[in-house]
Structures are given as C-alpha cells and as structure tokens.
Amino acid sequence: KGRGKGKISPETLVEEFITSFKKNRYETSIGKVKMLRFLHRISPALASKIINK
C-alpha cells in the first residue's frame, strides 16, 4: 500500500539522517536516491529517463 515497492524503513531513514547530521552535511541521499545521484553524474540523460518513468 502507499507509494509502491522499494520503500525504505523509518529506521533506515533515521540512521542515514543521523549519520549525515553528525557530519554536518546539509544534503543527504537516502535509499535509491544515492544510486540515482551517482548515475546522474555519469549519464544525466539516463537518469532523467528513469525519473520520468
């Protein structure tokens, strides 16, 4: 139910957030966004296609 497959757990979200917060990061990529940001650096066109699906 909700937004489909591939959801992250609240525990994972909090863990990633706290790690980034302790490192004074203003932005953090959590879950599938990590891979998407990496892919965008290599191939912006492919990343856009994935987002627009």
C-alpha atoms as a PDB file:
ATOM      1  CA  LYS A   1       0.000   0.000   0.000  1.00  0.00           C
ATOM      2  CA  GLY A   2       1.120   3.564  -0.362  1.00  0.00           C
ATOM      3  CA  ARG A   3       3.724   4.598  -2.904  1.00  0.00           C
ATOM      4  CA  GLY A   4       4.525   1.186  -4.321  1.00  0.00           C
ATOM      5  CA  LYS A   5       7.588  -1.014  -3.995  1.00  0.00           C
ATOM      6  CA  GLY A   6      11.064  -0.240  -2.767  1.00  0.00           C
ATOM      7  CA  LYS A   7      10.192   1.793   0.286  1.00  0.00           C
ATOM      8  CA  ILE A   8      12.778   2.313   2.997  1.00  0.00           C
ATOM      9  CA  SER A   9      12.035   1.677   6.633  1.00  0.00           C
ATOM     10  CA  PRO A  10      11.745   4.534   9.118  1.00  0.00           C
ATOM     11  CA  GLU A  11      14.727   3.050  10.961  1.00  0.00           C
ATOM     12  CA  THR A  12      16.898   3.259   7.840  1.00  0.00           C
ATOM     13  CA  LEU A  13      15.829   6.850   7.254  1.00  0.00           C
ATOM     14  CA  VAL A  14      16.676   7.886  10.803  1.00  0.00           C
ATOM     15  CA  GLU A  15      20.018   6.056  10.707  1.00  0.00           C
ATOM     16  CA  GLU A  16      21.071   7.779   7.466  1.00  0.00           C
ATOM     17  CA  PHE A  17      19.821  11.156   8.680  1.00  0.00           C
ATOM     18  CA  ILE A  18      21.681  10.978  11.988  1.00  0.00           C
ATOM     19  CA  THR A  19      24.907   9.916  10.258  1.00  0.00           C
ATOM     20  CA  SER A  20      24.692  12.886   7.888  1.00  0.00           C
ATOM     21  CA  PHE A  21      23.690  15.265  10.664  1.00  0.00           C
ATOM     22  CA  LYS A  22      26.731  14.290  12.737  1.00  0.00           C
ATOM     23  CA  LYS A  23      28.948  15.008   9.718  1.00  0.00           C
ATOM     24  CA  ASN A  24      27.341  18.470   9.296  1.00  0.00           C
ATOM     25  CA  ARG A  25      26.006  17.650   5.846  1.00  0.00           C
ATOM     26  CA  TYR A  26      23.272  19.917   4.541  1.00  0.00           C
ATOM     27  CA  GLU A  27      22.080  17.372   1.991  1.00  0.00           C
ATOM     28  CA  THR A  28      21.980  13.625   2.115  1.00  0.00           C
ATOM     29  CA  SER A  29      20.899  10.949  -0.320  1.00  0.00           C
ATOM     30  CA  ILE A  30      18.932   8.117   1.207  1.00  0.00           C
ATOM     31  CA  GLY A  31      17.856   4.860  -0.368  1.00  0.00           C
ATOM     32  CA  LYS A  32      17.617   4.690  -4.153  1.00  0.00           C
ATOM     33  CA  VAL A  33      18.496   8.374  -4.447  1.00  0.00           C
ATOM     34  CA  LYS A  34      22.146   7.502  -3.747  1.00  0.00           C
ATOM     35  CA  MET A  35      22.334   5.432  -6.928  1.00  0.00           C
ATOM     36  CA  LEU A  36      20.319   7.967  -8.911  1.00  0.00           C
ATOM     37  CA  ARG A  37      22.683  10.811  -7.997  1.00  0.00           C
ATOM     38  CA  PHE A  38      25.676   8.677  -8.989  1.00  0.00           C
ATOM     39  CA  LEU A  39      24.004   7.749 -12.271  1.00  0.00           C
ATOM     40  CA  HIS A  40      23.190  11.411 -12.939  1.00  0.00           C
ATOM     41  CA  ARG A  41      26.897  12.276 -12.733  1.00  0.00           C
ATOM     42  CA  ILE A  42      27.692   9.624 -15.346  1.00  0.00           C
ATOM     43  CA  SER A  43      24.658   9.950 -17.623  1.00  0.00           C
ATOM     44  CA  PRO A  44      22.204  12.786 -16.953  1.00  0.00           C
ATOM     45  CA  ALA A  45      20.002  11.689 -19.871  1.00  0.00           C
ATOM     46  CA  LEU A  46      19.577   8.169 -18.488  1.00  0.00           C
ATOM     47  CA  ALA A  47      18.853   9.499 -15.006  1.00  0.00           C
ATOM     48  CA  SER A  48      16.162  11.769 -16.463  1.00  0.00           C
ATOM     49  CA  LYS A  49      14.572   8.833 -18.291  1.00  0.00           C
ATOM     50  CA  ILE A  50      14.421   6.857 -15.053  1.00  0.00           C
ATOM     51  CA  ILE A  51      12.845   9.761 -13.177  1.00  0.00           C
ATOM     52  CA  ASN A  52      10.261  10.389 -15.892  1.00  0.00           C
ATOM     53  CA  LYS A  53       9.066   6.759 -15.977  1.00  0.00           C
END
